């Protein structure tokens, strides 16, 4: 007879204990973008709502930005790095296939011996990582650091009129730890691989090996397809997350969706019927679309501005390449 394995009991409920972010120093306005594409500040603002974005300089690598955000999250929580049991980095712009950038981040911040790995789910990556971290705290206890970090400019074709104005760089992090009350609701997630070509890389990396004259791989997207899918499908997913958490839109303090496009954000807010008191994150206007970093950066911006309170409820909604999505309700750190 096979011996039965020991199953540890659940440890605690997960909660967001601290938050931190890093925005690159260089601010890029629409006029600068238009030097490389046939467009205008007015057109870009009307289509996306974006006025400026941050682009990383040579001294701001993916690991550099992730490290700064992680250190700030630990300081915000008042927890030392030795207490971190796991580091998860949500990113798809780490240009090294291996090792995971999370291992470098864990070493840099002093989280010696912590498990460390990356996940790639595009713009939905941060909420995916948050869901995994919450389950780790429930099942194992301890503290889990979740970082969303992207250098979008490494995969940006600055001459492509459909994408050059959209993306920015940055990193945001949260620390999860044990609590007596639940701080992360059930996640609603999924993917529609039939629409995988809506947002994709132009060519795989091995194309550079087979053709030395091949143009550097870059992002491409079907903007109209993504817009329609996001506004209609993601409103349903967001409502499902509210229902799963047992809360109503009126119970929320904030709605923090992926910062893809201001028109999508406003469309989702209308679709959910959010009352006026619910703060809607619109960080995209000054930070651009930072993919997996956008939700923690937007959360940090709302908290730092005093627009929302610590301990309030926020609906998080990530969506993007795949097409993948994830939503959950959290108690703000």
Protein backbone atom coordinates (compact mmCIF):
# COMPACT_ATOMS: atom_id res chain seq x y z
CA UNK A 1 0.00 0.00 0.00
CA UNK A 2 1.35 3.41 -0.98
CA UNK A 3 2.11 5.55 2.02
CA UNK A 4 -0.05 8.67 2.21
CA UNK A 5 1.75 11.97 1.88
CA UNK A 6 1.56 14.58 4.56
CA UNK A 7 -0.68 17.47 3.57
CA UNK A 8 0.11 20.69 5.44
CA UNK A 9 -2.93 22.65 6.66
CA UNK A 10 -3.72 26.08 5.23
CA UNK A 11 -1.56 28.69 6.90
CA UNK A 12 -3.25 32.07 6.65
CA UNK A 13 -5.17 34.43 4.44
CA UNK A 14 -3.07 36.52 2.02
CA UNK A 15 -2.91 40.30 2.12
CA UNK A 16 -1.07 43.04 0.26
CA UNK A 17 1.35 44.51 2.79
CA UNK A 18 3.35 47.02 0.75
CA UNK A 19 3.77 48.52 -2.69
CA UNK A 20 6.53 50.19 -4.69
CA UNK A 21 7.20 51.37 -8.20
CA UNK A 22 9.81 52.77 -10.54
CA UNK A 23 9.19 55.01 -13.53
CA UNK A 24 12.18 55.72 -15.78
CA UNK A 25 13.59 59.23 -15.62
CA UNK A 26 13.11 60.10 -19.28
CA UNK A 27 9.71 61.56 -20.19
CA UNK A 28 8.78 61.18 -23.86
CA UNK A 29 5.95 63.35 -25.19
CA UNK A 30 3.87 62.82 -28.30
CA UNK A 31 5.79 65.38 -30.32
CA UNK A 32 8.93 63.29 -29.94
CA UNK A 33 7.05 60.16 -31.00
CA UNK A 34 5.81 61.94 -34.11
CA UNK A 35 9.34 62.53 -35.33
CA UNK A 36 9.40 58.85 -36.37
CA UNK A 37 5.77 58.28 -37.41
CA UNK A 38 3.19 60.15 -39.46
CA UNK A 39 0.93 61.27 -36.62
CA UNK A 40 0.18 64.16 -34.28
CA UNK A 41 -0.26 64.88 -30.61
CA UNK A 42 -3.99 65.41 -31.17
CA UNK A 43 -4.41 62.07 -32.99
CA UNK A 44 -2.52 60.11 -30.34
CA UNK A 45 -4.48 61.68 -27.49
CA UNK A 46 -7.83 61.07 -29.23
CA UNK A 47 -7.05 57.39 -29.95
CA UNK A 48 -5.28 56.41 -26.74
CA UNK A 49 -5.48 59.21 -24.19
CA UNK A 50 -1.69 59.09 -23.86
CA UNK A 51 0.14 62.41 -23.46
CA UNK A 52 3.53 61.16 -22.25
CA UNK A 53 5.27 57.91 -21.45
CA UNK A 54 8.55 56.93 -19.74
CA UNK A 55 11.37 55.26 -21.66
CA UNK A 56 14.23 53.58 -19.84
CA UNK A 57 17.77 54.72 -20.40
CA UNK A 58 20.89 52.53 -20.63
CA UNK A 59 21.27 52.70 -16.85
CA UNK A 60 17.73 51.36 -16.27
CA UNK A 61 17.76 47.68 -17.19
CA UNK A 62 14.81 45.41 -16.56
CA UNK A 63 16.50 44.04 -13.44
CA UNK A 64 17.42 47.56 -12.26
CA UNK A 65 13.81 48.74 -12.44
CA UNK A 66 12.47 45.58 -10.82
CA UNK A 67 14.98 45.85 -7.99
CA UNK A 68 14.04 49.45 -7.20
CA UNK A 69 10.32 48.65 -7.17
CA UNK A 70 10.91 45.57 -5.00
CA UNK A 71 12.98 47.50 -2.46
CA UNK A 72 10.25 50.13 -2.20
CA UNK A 73 7.56 47.49 -1.67
CA UNK A 74 9.56 45.92 1.16
CA UNK A 75 10.16 49.32 2.76
CA UNK A 76 6.46 50.15 2.44
CA UNK A 77 5.56 46.89 4.21
CA UNK A 78 8.26 47.26 6.85
CA UNK A 79 9.51 43.76 6.07
CA UNK A 80 13.17 42.82 5.58
CA UNK A 81 14.34 40.82 2.55
CA UNK A 82 15.28 37.83 4.72
CA UNK A 83 11.56 37.26 5.32
CA UNK A 84 10.80 36.87 1.60
CA UNK A 85 10.16 33.23 0.70
CA UNK A 86 9.45 33.66 -3.02
CA UNK A 87 9.96 36.26 -5.75
CA UNK A 88 7.75 36.19 -8.85
CA UNK A 89 8.41 38.56 -11.74
CA UNK A 90 5.72 39.03 -14.38
CA UNK A 91 7.44 40.05 -17.60
CA UNK A 92 7.70 39.16 -21.26
CA UNK A 93 10.45 41.62 -22.14
CA UNK A 94 13.36 39.83 -20.43
CA UNK A 95 15.61 39.25 -23.43
CA UNK A 96 17.52 36.38 -21.83
CA UNK A 97 15.80 33.02 -22.17
CA UNK A 98 17.52 31.92 -18.96
CA UNK A 99 18.05 32.49 -16.09
CA UNK A 100 14.83 34.14 -14.95
CA UNK A 101 15.24 37.80 -14.06
CA UNK A 102 13.49 37.00 -10.75
CA UNK A 103 16.60 35.14 -9.59
CA UNK A 104 18.69 38.25 -10.17
CA UNK A 105 16.15 40.46 -8.40
CA UNK A 106 16.00 38.13 -5.40
CA UNK A 107 19.80 38.19 -5.12
CA UNK A 108 20.03 41.96 -5.48
CA UNK A 109 17.47 42.72 -2.76
CA UNK A 110 19.01 40.19 -0.35
CA UNK A 111 16.24 37.58 -0.41
CA UNK A 112 18.79 34.82 0.04
CA UNK A 113 17.43 31.35 -0.60
CA UNK A 114 14.01 32.56 -1.79
CA UNK A 115 12.40 30.69 -4.65
CA UNK A 116 12.42 32.88 -7.75
CA UNK A 117 10.83 32.55 -11.16
CA UNK A 118 9.28 34.56 -14.01
CA UNK A 119 5.86 34.18 -15.58
CA UNK A 120 4.87 35.39 -19.05
CA UNK A 121 1.23 36.31 -19.58
CA UNK A 122 1.69 39.64 -21.33
CA UNK A 123 -0.33 42.53 -19.95
CA UNK A 124 -2.29 40.11 -17.72
CA UNK A 125 0.90 38.83 -16.12
CA UNK A 126 0.79 40.82 -12.88
CA UNK A 127 -2.66 39.58 -11.84
CA UNK A 128 -1.67 36.01 -12.77
CA UNK A 129 1.39 36.36 -10.53
CA UNK A 130 -0.71 37.90 -7.76
CA UNK A 131 -3.09 34.93 -7.85
CA UNK A 132 -0.19 32.47 -7.61
CA UNK A 133 1.33 34.44 -4.74
CA UNK A 134 -1.96 34.50 -2.82
CA UNK A 135 -2.26 30.72 -3.12
CA UNK A 136 1.34 30.31 -1.95
CA UNK A 137 0.62 32.34 1.19
CA UNK A 138 -2.51 30.29 1.84
CA UNK A 139 -0.75 26.99 1.33
CA UNK A 140 2.74 27.65 2.66
CA UNK A 141 2.62 30.86 4.67
CA UNK A 142 5.49 33.34 4.52
CA UNK A 143 5.92 36.34 2.23
CA UNK A 144 5.83 36.50 -1.55
CA UNK A 145 7.12 39.43 -3.58
CA UNK A 146 5.34 40.03 -6.89
CA UNK A 147 6.96 42.34 -9.44
CA UNK A 148 5.57 43.46 -12.77
CA UNK A 149 8.48 44.76 -14.85
CA UNK A 150 8.75 45.62 -18.53
CA UNK A 151 11.19 47.35 -20.87
CA UNK A 152 8.70 47.65 -23.69
CA UNK A 153 11.09 49.77 -25.72
CA UNK A 154 13.26 46.67 -26.27
CA UNK A 155 10.44 45.24 -28.43
CA UNK A 156 9.14 48.49 -29.86
CA UNK A 157 9.30 49.41 -33.54
CA UNK A 158 9.48 53.19 -33.27
CA UNK A 159 8.50 53.54 -36.94
CA UNK A 160 5.29 51.49 -36.60
CA UNK A 161 2.41 53.98 -36.54
CA UNK A 162 0.06 51.54 -34.78
CA UNK A 163 2.28 50.79 -31.75
CA UNK A 164 5.09 53.34 -31.46
CA UNK A 165 3.06 55.77 -29.35
CA UNK A 166 1.50 53.23 -26.99
CA UNK A 167 4.19 51.70 -24.84
CA UNK A 168 6.34 52.79 -21.95
CA UNK A 169 8.77 51.17 -19.50
CA UNK A 170 8.58 50.67 -15.75
CA UNK A 171 8.20 48.32 -12.80
CA UNK A 172 5.77 47.93 -9.93
CA UNK A 173 5.85 45.54 -6.98
CA UNK A 174 3.69 44.34 -4.10
CA UNK A 175 4.55 42.21 -1.09
CA UNK A 176 2.02 39.61 0.02
CA UNK A 177 2.01 38.08 3.48
CA UNK A 178 -0.20 36.36 6.04
CA UNK A 179 -3.23 38.05 7.56
CA UNK A 180 -6.19 37.14 9.73
CA UNK A 181 -8.58 38.44 7.06
CA UNK A 182 -8.65 37.79 3.32
CA UNK A 183 -6.98 40.50 1.26
CA UNK A 184 -7.06 38.84 -2.18
CA UNK A 185 -10.31 37.55 -3.62
CA UNK A 186 -10.79 34.60 -5.98
CA UNK A 187 -9.18 35.08 -9.39
CA UNK A 188 -11.19 34.82 -12.59
CA UNK A 189 -8.80 34.02 -15.42
CA UNK A 190 -8.50 32.43 -18.81
CA UNK A 191 -7.21 32.77 -22.34
CA UNK A 192 -8.55 32.72 -25.90
CA UNK A 193 -5.77 31.27 -28.02
CA UNK A 194 -7.91 31.52 -31.15
CA UNK A 195 -7.08 35.24 -31.11
CA UNK A 196 -3.38 34.85 -30.34
CA UNK A 197 -2.46 36.80 -33.48
CA UNK A 198 -4.20 39.96 -32.22
CA UNK A 199 -1.07 40.88 -30.23
CA UNK A 200 2.14 39.15 -31.19
CA UNK A 201 5.85 39.38 -31.91
CA UNK A 202 6.66 39.91 -35.57
CA UNK A 203 9.13 37.02 -35.85
CA UNK A 204 10.60 34.50 -33.36
CA UNK A 205 14.11 35.00 -32.03
CA UNK A 206 15.55 32.22 -34.18
CA UNK A 207 14.73 34.29 -37.27
CA UNK A 208 17.73 36.44 -36.36
CA UNK A 209 19.97 33.41 -36.53
CA UNK A 210 18.68 32.14 -39.86
CA UNK A 211 18.65 35.59 -41.50
CA UNK A 212 21.29 38.07 -40.32
CA UNK A 213 19.48 40.85 -42.21
CA UNK A 214 16.19 40.19 -40.43
CA UNK A 215 14.69 43.27 -38.74
CA UNK A 216 14.73 43.13 -34.93
CA UNK A 217 11.57 41.40 -33.57
CA UNK A 218 8.90 43.86 -32.47
CA UNK A 219 5.34 43.96 -31.19
CA UNK A 220 2.37 44.19 -33.52
CA UNK A 221 -1.29 44.35 -32.65
CA UNK A 222 -4.69 44.57 -34.30
CA UNK A 223 -5.95 47.58 -32.38
CA UNK A 224 -9.60 47.34 -33.37
CA UNK A 225 -9.82 43.63 -32.56
CA UNK A 226 -8.22 44.14 -29.16
CA UNK A 227 -10.44 47.14 -28.42
CA UNK A 228 -13.67 45.25 -29.14
CA UNK A 229 -12.57 42.20 -27.18
CA UNK A 230 -11.39 44.22 -24.18
CA UNK A 231 -14.43 46.47 -23.82
CA UNK A 232 -17.06 43.76 -24.14
CA UNK A 233 -15.43 40.55 -22.89
CA UNK A 234 -13.44 42.13 -20.06
CA UNK A 235 -16.49 43.88 -18.61
CA UNK A 236 -17.98 40.40 -18.17
CA UNK A 237 -14.79 39.07 -16.58
CA UNK A 238 -14.61 42.05 -14.21
CA UNK A 239 -18.20 41.44 -13.09
CA UNK A 240 -17.43 37.77 -12.53
CA UNK A 241 -14.54 38.76 -10.25
CA UNK A 242 -16.86 41.02 -8.25
CA UNK A 243 -19.38 38.22 -7.92
CA UNK A 244 -16.71 35.71 -6.89
CA UNK A 245 -15.52 38.08 -4.15
CA UNK A 246 -19.07 38.72 -2.95
CA UNK A 247 -18.94 42.47 -3.50
CA UNK A 248 -20.80 44.97 -5.69
CA UNK A 249 -19.41 47.76 -7.80
CA UNK A 250 -20.70 50.22 -5.19
CA UNK A 251 -18.49 48.55 -2.55
CA UNK A 252 -15.32 49.40 -4.43
CA UNK A 253 -12.95 52.24 -3.66
CA UNK A 254 -11.03 51.84 -6.92
CA UNK A 255 -11.04 50.20 -10.31
CA UNK A 256 -7.49 49.50 -11.51
CA UNK A 257 -7.48 47.88 -14.93
CA UNK A 258 -4.51 47.30 -17.17
CA UNK A 259 -3.47 50.68 -18.54
CA UNK A 260 -3.82 49.85 -22.23
CA UNK A 261 -5.84 52.73 -23.59
CA UNK A 262 -7.94 55.47 -22.00
CA UNK A 263 -10.92 54.71 -24.26
CA UNK A 264 -10.90 51.07 -23.14
CA UNK A 265 -10.60 52.06 -19.47
CA UNK A 266 -13.54 54.47 -19.69
CA UNK A 267 -15.57 51.95 -21.68
CA UNK A 268 -15.02 49.29 -19.01
CA UNK A 269 -15.97 51.72 -16.24
CA UNK A 270 -19.24 52.49 -18.03
CA UNK A 271 -19.90 48.82 -18.69
CA UNK A 272 -19.53 48.03 -15.00
CA UNK A 273 -21.79 50.91 -14.00
CA UNK A 274 -19.26 52.23 -11.50
CA UNK A 275 -20.66 54.92 -9.19
CA UNK A 276 -18.94 58.31 -9.03
CA UNK A 277 -17.14 57.60 -5.75
CA UNK A 278 -15.08 54.77 -7.28
CA UNK A 279 -11.67 56.05 -8.37
CA UNK A 280 -10.71 54.84 -11.84
CA UNK A 281 -6.98 54.50 -12.54
CA UNK A 282 -5.93 56.48 -15.60
CA UNK A 283 -2.16 56.30 -15.20
CA UNK A 284 -1.89 55.55 -18.92
CA UNK A 285 -2.18 59.28 -19.68
CA UNK A 286 1.29 60.06 -18.28
CA UNK A 287 2.96 56.63 -18.13
CA UNK A 288 1.76 54.91 -21.29
CA UNK A 289 1.07 51.20 -21.56
CA UNK A 290 3.67 49.39 -19.45
CA UNK A 291 2.11 45.94 -19.91
CA UNK A 292 2.75 43.74 -16.85
CA UNK A 293 3.89 46.75 -14.81
CA UNK A 294 0.83 48.90 -15.45
CA UNK A 295 -1.49 47.72 -12.67
CA UNK A 296 0.94 48.01 -9.73
CA UNK A 297 2.19 51.36 -11.04
CA UNK A 298 -1.38 52.65 -11.32
CA UNK A 299 -2.18 51.33 -7.84
CA UNK A 300 0.86 53.06 -6.38
CA UNK A 301 -0.08 56.33 -8.11
CA UNK A 302 -3.61 56.31 -6.64
CA UNK A 303 -2.32 55.57 -3.13
CA UNK A 304 0.49 58.13 -3.28
CA UNK A 305 -1.90 60.83 -4.48
CA UNK A 306 -4.31 60.08 -1.64
CA UNK A 307 -7.06 59.36 -4.18
CA UNK A 308 -7.79 56.04 -2.47
CA UNK A 309 -7.23 54.85 1.07
CA UNK A 310 -5.17 52.02 2.42
CA UNK A 311 -7.56 49.20 3.30
CA UNK A 312 -10.07 50.05 0.57
CA UNK A 313 -11.31 47.56 -2.01
CA UNK A 314 -9.93 47.62 -5.55
CA UNK A 315 -10.91 45.61 -8.61
CA UNK A 316 -7.82 44.63 -10.63
CA UNK A 317 -8.22 43.56 -14.26
CA UNK A 318 -5.36 42.49 -16.51
CA UNK A 319 -5.75 41.54 -20.16
CA UNK A 320 -3.59 41.31 -23.25
CA UNK A 321 -1.54 39.03 -25.49
CA UNK A 322 -2.78 35.50 -25.71
CA UNK A 323 -5.47 36.75 -25.55
CA UNK A 324 -5.19 36.23 -21.79
CA UNK A 325 -6.96 37.82 -18.86
CA UNK A 326 -7.16 37.75 -15.05
CA UNK A 327 -9.23 39.71 -12.54
CA UNK A 328 -9.52 39.81 -8.77
CA UNK A 329 -10.65 42.09 -5.93
CA UNK A 330 -8.01 43.06 -3.37
CA UNK A 331 -7.74 45.07 -0.20
CA UNK A 332 -5.31 47.90 -0.94
CA UNK A 333 -2.01 47.89 1.00
